[in-house]
């Protein structure tokens, strides 16, 4: 069975991660076009998970969850042993699970009843944001320990730090439009994941090229 699966760090897995991030981005943008009943600057993305076309966005959330899990798994194998983080893959995995729960536990809409499902959503969504932001920071910090990844550290860590800061701005600055600040956080998460998947793909290609046997004439 293991022979039928690609190795954890490969171009196929990296491309799958990138596709998951891209699918989520496209679906999230498209929802704003097909749901004009919601004011995107005020409405959190969770409101689009309820009602018309919600199934498409739920599928995109699942794709993002897969991407999160795969990115964490790939970094566990891409970096040299001394530079690997034991915690980061678990944080990415927790974020992945929380994203799925967030997608399928419907949020409470304005004026709607308070339900257990809405409470689960209210707990899962912050967990997803917190765990992925910590995972990005931790994974970026470990890049500096690997000579092959050290040149990626500055960009990765700066982007992760910006995401972490924007998350706290979203949580604490209530005067700003909630939908707008949330989308800022989501955009930074997606940007970091897309960059990471692109870098992992390049590293996997380089590794495959180096491991390829050299034919002699």
C-alpha atoms as a PDB file:
ATOM      1  CA  UNK A   1       0.000   0.000   0.000  1.00  0.00           C
ATOM      2  CA  UNK A   2       2.791   2.440   0.886  1.00  0.00           C
ATOM      3  CA  UNK A   3       4.288   1.929  -2.592  1.00  0.00           C
ATOM      4  CA  UNK A   4       1.083   3.303  -4.131  1.00  0.00           C
ATOM      5  CA  UNK A   5       1.375   6.571  -2.202  1.00  0.00           C
ATOM      6  CA  UNK A   6       3.759   9.391  -3.116  1.00  0.00           C
ATOM      7  CA  UNK A   7       6.540  10.216  -0.653  1.00  0.00           C
ATOM      8  CA  UNK A   8       5.602  12.926   1.887  1.00  0.00           C
ATOM      9  CA  UNK A   9       7.945  15.399   0.223  1.00  0.00           C
ATOM     10  CA  UNK A  10       7.384  15.319  -3.530  1.00  0.00           C
ATOM     11  CA  UNK A  11       6.267  17.583  -6.349  1.00  0.00           C
ATOM     12  CA  UNK A  12       2.910  15.783  -6.443  1.00  0.00           C
ATOM     13  CA  UNK A  13       2.214  16.474  -2.772  1.00  0.00           C
ATOM     14  CA  UNK A  14       3.429  20.070  -3.100  1.00  0.00           C
ATOM     15  CA  UNK A  15       1.213  20.613  -6.145  1.00  0.00           C
ATOM     16  CA  UNK A  16      -1.741  19.153  -4.228  1.00  0.00           C
ATOM     17  CA  UNK A  17      -1.091  21.639  -1.428  1.00  0.00           C
ATOM     18  CA  UNK A  18      -0.891  24.501  -3.890  1.00  0.00           C
ATOM     19  CA  UNK A  19      -4.093  23.370  -5.593  1.00  0.00           C
ATOM     20  CA  UNK A  20      -5.919  23.279  -2.252  1.00  0.00           C
ATOM     21  CA  UNK A  21      -4.866  26.834  -1.440  1.00  0.00           C
ATOM     22  CA  UNK A  22      -5.827  28.002  -4.929  1.00  0.00           C
ATOM     23  CA  UNK A  23      -9.215  26.306  -4.787  1.00  0.00           C
ATOM     24  CA  UNK A  24     -10.022  28.004  -1.506  1.00  0.00           C
ATOM     25  CA  UNK A  25      -8.958  31.415  -2.795  1.00  0.00           C
ATOM     26  CA  UNK A  26     -11.009  31.119  -5.993  1.00  0.00           C
ATOM     27  CA  UNK A  27     -14.083  29.822  -4.157  1.00  0.00           C
ATOM     28  CA  UNK A  28     -13.893  32.532  -1.490  1.00  0.00           C
ATOM     29  CA  UNK A  29     -13.627  35.282  -4.111  1.00  0.00           C
ATOM     30  CA  UNK A  30     -16.414  33.765  -6.207  1.00  0.00           C
ATOM     31  CA  UNK A  31     -18.771  33.644  -3.216  1.00  0.00           C
ATOM     32  CA  UNK A  32     -18.701  37.425  -3.026  1.00  0.00           C
ATOM     33  CA  UNK A  33     -20.033  37.582  -6.584  1.00  0.00           C
ATOM     34  CA  UNK A  34     -22.824  35.049  -6.123  1.00  0.00           C
ATOM     35  CA  UNK A  35     -23.909  36.253  -2.676  1.00  0.00           C
ATOM     36  CA  UNK A  36     -24.630  39.993  -3.100  1.00  0.00           C
ATOM     37  CA  UNK A  37     -27.060  39.740  -0.173  1.00  0.00           C
ATOM     38  CA  UNK A  38     -24.067  39.889   2.199  1.00  0.00           C
ATOM     39  CA  UNK A  39     -21.875  42.955   2.693  1.00  0.00           C
ATOM     40  CA  UNK A  40     -18.411  41.504   2.442  1.00  0.00           C
ATOM     41  CA  UNK A  41     -16.719  44.248   4.440  1.00  0.00           C
ATOM     42  CA  UNK A  42     -18.969  43.497   7.404  1.00  0.00           C
ATOM     43  CA  UNK A  43     -19.880  39.823   7.040  1.00  0.00           C
ATOM     44  CA  UNK A  44     -17.302  37.223   8.083  1.00  0.00           C
ATOM     45  CA  UNK A  45     -16.598  34.422   5.641  1.00  0.00           C
ATOM     46  CA  UNK A  46     -18.484  32.067   7.949  1.00  0.00           C
ATOM     47  CA  UNK A  47     -21.773  33.660   6.883  1.00  0.00           C
ATOM     48  CA  UNK A  48     -21.129  32.411   3.340  1.00  0.00           C
ATOM     49  CA  UNK A  49     -21.031  28.849   4.689  1.00  0.00           C
ATOM     50  CA  UNK A  50     -24.763  29.062   5.323  1.00  0.00           C
ATOM     51  CA  UNK A  51     -27.321  29.378   2.545  1.00  0.00           C
ATOM     52  CA  UNK A  52     -27.064  29.371  -1.224  1.00  0.00           C
ATOM     53  CA  UNK A  53     -23.861  27.985  -2.786  1.00  0.00           C
ATOM     54  CA  UNK A  54     -22.546  27.112   0.690  1.00  0.00           C
ATOM     55  CA  UNK A  55     -21.644  23.595  -0.456  1.00  0.00           C
ATOM     56  CA  UNK A  56     -19.010  24.927  -2.846  1.00  0.00           C
ATOM     57  CA  UNK A  57     -17.348  26.929  -0.107  1.00  0.00           C
ATOM     58  CA  UNK A  58     -17.468  23.971   2.280  1.00  0.00           C
ATOM     59  CA  UNK A  59     -15.639  21.885  -0.338  1.00  0.00           C
ATOM     60  CA  UNK A  60     -13.035  24.640  -0.625  1.00  0.00           C
ATOM     61  CA  UNK A  61     -12.587  24.605   3.156  1.00  0.00           C
ATOM     62  CA  UNK A  62     -11.882  20.868   2.947  1.00  0.00           C
ATOM     63  CA  UNK A  63      -9.331  21.507   0.185  1.00  0.00           C
ATOM     64  CA  UNK A  64      -7.648  24.108   2.393  1.00  0.00           C
ATOM     65  CA  UNK A  65      -7.625  21.653   5.296  1.00  0.00           C
ATOM     66  CA  UNK A  66      -5.855  19.079   3.129  1.00  0.00           C
ATOM     67  CA  UNK A  67      -3.317  21.711   2.066  1.00  0.00           C
ATOM     68  CA  UNK A  68      -2.607  22.644   5.690  1.00  0.00           C
ATOM     69  CA  UNK A  69      -2.016  19.040   6.671  1.00  0.00           C
ATOM     70  CA  UNK A  70       0.213  18.347   3.668  1.00  0.00           C
ATOM     71  CA  UNK A  71       2.330  21.484   4.132  1.00  0.00           C
ATOM     72  CA  UNK A  72       3.046  20.514   7.730  1.00  0.00           C
ATOM     73  CA  UNK A  73       3.894  16.959   6.701  1.00  0.00           C
ATOM     74  CA  UNK A  74       6.172  18.094   3.868  1.00  0.00           C
ATOM     75  CA  UNK A  75       8.205  20.436   6.043  1.00  0.00           C
ATOM     76  CA  UNK A  76       8.733  17.582   8.481  1.00  0.00           C
ATOM     77  CA  UNK A  77      10.582  15.734   5.696  1.00  0.00           C
ATOM     78  CA  UNK A  78      11.995  18.622   3.652  1.00  0.00           C
ATOM     79  CA  UNK A  79      14.214  20.144   6.334  1.00  0.00           C
ATOM     80  CA  UNK A  80      17.309  18.385   7.646  1.00  0.00           C
ATOM     81  CA  UNK A  81      16.808  16.509  10.952  1.00  0.00           C
ATOM     82  CA  UNK A  82      18.388  19.191  13.138  1.00  0.00           C
ATOM     83  CA  UNK A  83      16.117  21.879  11.701  1.00  0.00           C
ATOM     84  CA  UNK A  84      12.824  20.028  11.889  1.00  0.00           C
ATOM     85  CA  UNK A  85      10.092  21.157  14.240  1.00  0.00           C
ATOM     86  CA  UNK A  86       8.265  18.477  16.182  1.00  0.00           C
ATOM     87  CA  UNK A  87       5.394  20.806  17.049  1.00  0.00           C
ATOM     88  CA  UNK A  88       4.707  22.584  13.740  1.00  0.00           C
ATOM     89  CA  UNK A  89       3.198  19.553  11.924  1.00  0.00           C
ATOM     90  CA  UNK A  90       0.826  18.984  14.848  1.00  0.00           C
ATOM     91  CA  UNK A  91      -0.201  22.641  14.780  1.00  0.00           C
ATOM     92  CA  UNK A  92      -0.857  22.448  11.040  1.00  0.00           C
ATOM     93  CA  UNK A  93      -2.815  19.240  11.616  1.00  0.00           C
ATOM     94  CA  UNK A  94      -4.878  20.836  14.387  1.00  0.00           C
ATOM     95  CA  UNK A  95      -5.585  23.817  12.143  1.00  0.00           C
ATOM     96  CA  UNK A  96      -6.639  21.415   9.383  1.00  0.00           C
ATOM     97  CA  UNK A  97      -9.128  19.667  11.651  1.00  0.00           C
ATOM     98  CA  UNK A  98     -10.432  22.971  13.015  1.00  0.00           C
ATOM     99  CA  UNK A  99     -10.997  24.263   9.464  1.00  0.00           C
ATOM    100  CA  UNK A 100     -13.156  21.235   8.637  1.00  0.00           C
ATOM    101  CA  UNK A 101     -15.170  21.644  11.844  1.00  0.00           C
ATOM    102  CA  UNK A 102     -15.571  25.353  11.109  1.00  0.00           C
ATOM    103  CA  UNK A 103     -16.920  24.565   7.645  1.00  0.00           C
ATOM    104  CA  UNK A 104     -19.531  22.022   8.692  1.00  0.00           C
ATOM    105  CA  UNK A 105     -20.693  23.475  12.010  1.00  0.00           C
ATOM    106  CA  UNK A 106     -22.925  26.329  10.860  1.00  0.00           C
ATOM    107  CA  UNK A 107     -22.346  29.686  12.482  1.00  0.00           C
ATOM    108  CA  UNK A 108     -25.024  31.755  14.168  1.00  0.00           C
ATOM    109  CA  UNK A 109     -26.426  34.333  11.773  1.00  0.00           C
ATOM    110  CA  UNK A 110     -27.571  37.739  13.026  1.00  0.00           C
ATOM    111  CA  UNK A 111     -30.911  37.316  14.774  1.00  0.00           C
ATOM    112  CA  UNK A 112     -30.649  33.528  14.596  1.00  0.00           C
ATOM    113  CA  UNK A 113     -31.008  31.127  17.513  1.00  0.00           C
ATOM    114  CA  UNK A 114     -28.046  30.122  19.657  1.00  0.00           C
ATOM    115  CA  UNK A 115     -27.306  26.460  19.005  1.00  0.00           C
ATOM    116  CA  UNK A 116     -24.683  23.932  20.039  1.00  0.00           C
ATOM    117  CA  UNK A 117     -23.543  23.819  16.415  1.00  0.00           C
ATOM    118  CA  UNK A 118     -22.988  27.576  16.412  1.00  0.00           C
ATOM    119  CA  UNK A 119     -21.009  27.293  19.655  1.00  0.00           C
ATOM    120  CA  UNK A 120     -18.797  24.591  18.100  1.00  0.00           C
ATOM    121  CA  UNK A 121     -18.186  26.874  15.126  1.00  0.00           C
ATOM    122  CA  UNK A 122     -17.375  29.785  17.428  1.00  0.00           C
ATOM    123  CA  UNK A 123     -14.731  27.660  19.181  1.00  0.00           C
ATOM    124  CA  UNK A 124     -13.291  25.952  16.078  1.00  0.00           C
ATOM    125  CA  UNK A 125     -12.730  29.096  14.006  1.00  0.00           C
ATOM    126  CA  UNK A 126     -10.385  30.853  16.491  1.00  0.00           C
ATOM    127  CA  UNK A 127      -8.536  27.585  17.047  1.00  0.00           C
ATOM    128  CA  UNK A 128      -7.924  27.336  13.298  1.00  0.00           C
ATOM    129  CA  UNK A 129      -6.584  30.895  13.124  1.00  0.00           C
ATOM    130  CA  UNK A 130      -4.417  30.597  16.235  1.00  0.00           C
ATOM    131  CA  UNK A 131      -2.887  27.224  15.431  1.00  0.00           C
ATOM    132  CA  UNK A 132      -2.068  28.046  11.813  1.00  0.00           C
ATOM    133  CA  UNK A 133      -0.528  31.402  12.752  1.00  0.00           C
ATOM    134  CA  UNK A 134       1.634  29.762  15.419  1.00  0.00           C
ATOM    135  CA  UNK A 135       2.542  26.956  13.000  1.00  0.00           C
ATOM    136  CA  UNK A 136       3.627  29.464  10.360  1.00  0.00           C
ATOM    137  CA  UNK A 137       5.772  31.375  12.841  1.00  0.00           C
ATOM    138  CA  UNK A 138       7.364  28.233  14.236  1.00  0.00           C
ATOM    139  CA  UNK A 139       7.992  26.660  10.842  1.00  0.00           C
ATOM    140  CA  UNK A 140       9.470  29.886   9.492  1.00  0.00           C
ATOM    141  CA  UNK A 141      11.774  30.174  12.517  1.00  0.00           C
ATOM    142  CA  UNK A 142      13.098  26.653  11.915  1.00  0.00           C
ATOM    143  CA  UNK A 143      13.963  27.463   8.297  1.00  0.00           C
ATOM    144  CA  UNK A 144      16.965  29.460   9.459  1.00  0.00           C
ATOM    145  CA  UNK A 145      18.507  26.263  10.895  1.00  0.00           C
ATOM    146  CA  UNK A 146      18.736  24.569   7.499  1.00  0.00           C
ATOM    147  CA  UNK A 147      21.354  25.935   5.056  1.00  0.00           C
ATOM    148  CA  UNK A 148      19.145  24.983   2.116  1.00  0.00           C
ATOM    149  CA  UNK A 149      16.194  26.945   3.536  1.00  0.00           C
ATOM    150  CA  UNK A 150      17.939  29.789   5.347  1.00  0.00           C
ATOM    151  CA  UNK A 151      17.438  32.208   2.455  1.00  0.00           C
ATOM    152  CA  UNK A 152      13.664  31.673   2.759  1.00  0.00           C
ATOM    153  CA  UNK A 153      13.592  32.573   6.447  1.00  0.00           C
ATOM    154  CA  UNK A 154      13.290  36.382   6.227  1.00  0.00           C
ATOM    155  CA  UNK A 155      10.323  36.390   3.843  1.00  0.00           C
ATOM    156  CA  UNK A 156       8.556  33.473   5.546  1.00  0.00           C
ATOM    157  CA  UNK A 157       8.980  34.845   9.062  1.00  0.00           C
ATOM    158  CA  UNK A 158       8.020  38.413   8.109  1.00  0.00           C
ATOM    159  CA  UNK A 159       4.846  37.182   6.406  1.00  0.00           C
ATOM    160  CA  UNK A 160       3.994  34.905   9.333  1.00  0.00           C
ATOM    161  CA  UNK A 161       4.601  37.749  11.779  1.00  0.00           C
ATOM    162  CA  UNK A 162       2.362  40.066   9.753  1.00  0.00           C
ATOM    163  CA  UNK A 163      -0.348  37.408   9.807  1.00  0.00           C
ATOM    164  CA  UNK A 164      -0.013  36.943  13.576  1.00  0.00           C
ATOM    165  CA  UNK A 165      -0.211  40.714  14.141  1.00  0.00           C
ATOM    166  CA  UNK A 166      -3.214  41.092  11.837  1.00  0.00           C
ATOM    167  CA  UNK A 167      -4.986  38.289  13.701  1.00  0.00           C
ATOM    168  CA  UNK A 168      -4.722  40.230  16.953  1.00  0.00           C
ATOM    169  CA  UNK A 169      -5.809  43.411  15.219  1.00  0.00           C
ATOM    170  CA  UNK A 170      -8.894  41.546  13.996  1.00  0.00           C
ATOM    171  CA  UNK A 171      -9.557  40.189  17.481  1.00  0.00           C
ATOM    172  CA  UNK A 172      -9.031  43.396  19.444  1.00  0.00           C
ATOM    173  CA  UNK A 173      -9.906  46.319  17.149  1.00  0.00           C
ATOM    174  CA  UNK A 174     -13.671  46.072  16.994  1.00  0.00           C
ATOM    175  CA  UNK A 175     -14.184  49.495  15.414  1.00  0.00           C
ATOM    176  CA  UNK A 176     -12.879  48.369  12.014  1.00  0.00           C
ATOM    177  CA  UNK A 177     -15.104  46.389   9.593  1.00  0.00           C
ATOM    178  CA  UNK A 178     -15.019  42.792  10.822  1.00  0.00           C
ATOM    179  CA  UNK A 179     -15.288  41.226   7.397  1.00  0.00           C
ATOM    180  CA  UNK A 180     -12.447  43.331   6.062  1.00  0.00           C
ATOM    181  CA  UNK A 181     -10.024  42.600   8.907  1.00  0.00           C
ATOM    182  CA  UNK A 182     -10.828  38.885   8.793  1.00  0.00           C
ATOM    183  CA  UNK A 183     -10.148  38.740   5.088  1.00  0.00           C
ATOM    184  CA  UNK A 184      -6.818  40.446   5.672  1.00  0.00           C
ATOM    185  CA  UNK A 185      -5.815  37.626   8.011  1.00  0.00           C
ATOM    186  CA  UNK A 186      -7.062  34.968   5.601  1.00  0.00           C
ATOM    187  CA  UNK A 187      -5.192  36.551   2.686  1.00  0.00           C
ATOM    188  CA  UNK A 188      -1.903  36.507   4.635  1.00  0.00           C
ATOM    189  CA  UNK A 189      -2.424  32.858   5.628  1.00  0.00           C
ATOM    190  CA  UNK A 190      -3.094  31.894   2.015  1.00  0.00           C
ATOM    191  CA  UNK A 191      -0.086  33.897   0.802  1.00  0.00           C
ATOM    192  CA  UNK A 192       2.211  32.121   3.271  1.00  0.00           C
ATOM    193  CA  UNK A 193       0.826  28.690   2.384  1.00  0.00           C
ATOM    194  CA  UNK A 194       1.110  29.359  -1.363  1.00  0.00           C
ATOM    195  CA  UNK A 195       4.722  30.480  -0.984  1.00  0.00           C
ATOM    196  CA  UNK A 196       5.516  27.490   1.217  1.00  0.00           C
ATOM    197  CA  UNK A 197       3.979  25.047  -1.267  1.00  0.00           C
ATOM    198  CA  UNK A 198       5.884  26.682  -4.133  1.00  0.00           C
ATOM    199  CA  UNK A 199       9.159  26.449  -2.208  1.00  0.00           C
ATOM    200  CA  UNK A 200       8.469  22.848  -1.235  1.00  0.00           C
ATOM    201  CA  UNK A 201       7.795  21.967  -4.871  1.00  0.00           C
ATOM    202  CA  UNK A 202      11.093  23.546  -5.944  1.00  0.00           C
ATOM    203  CA  UNK A 203      12.946  21.716  -3.156  1.00  0.00           C
ATOM    204  CA  UNK A 204      11.339  18.399  -4.118  1.00  0.00           C
ATOM    205  CA  UNK A 205      12.319  18.886  -7.761  1.00  0.00           C
ATOM    206  CA  UNK A 206      15.892  19.704  -6.774  1.00  0.00           C
ATOM    207  CA  UNK A 207      16.020  16.668  -4.524  1.00  0.00           C
ATOM    208  CA  UNK A 208      14.664  14.402  -7.270  1.00  0.00           C
ATOM    209  CA  UNK A 209      17.173  15.802  -9.751  1.00  0.00           C
ATOM    210  CA  UNK A 210      20.062  15.251  -7.345  1.00  0.00           C
ATOM    211  CA  UNK A 211      18.941  11.700  -6.615  1.00  0.00           C
ATOM    212  CA  UNK A 212      18.495  10.783 -10.288  1.00  0.00           C
ATOM    213  CA  UNK A 213      21.140   8.353 -11.561  1.00  0.00           C
ATOM    214  CA  UNK A 214      23.636   9.831 -13.977  1.00  0.00           C
ATOM    215  CA  UNK A 215      23.832   7.848 -17.196  1.00  0.00           C
ATOM    216  CA  UNK A 216      27.286   7.263 -18.589  1.00  0.00           C
ATOM    217  CA  UNK A 217      27.916   7.199 -22.320  1.00  0.00           C
END
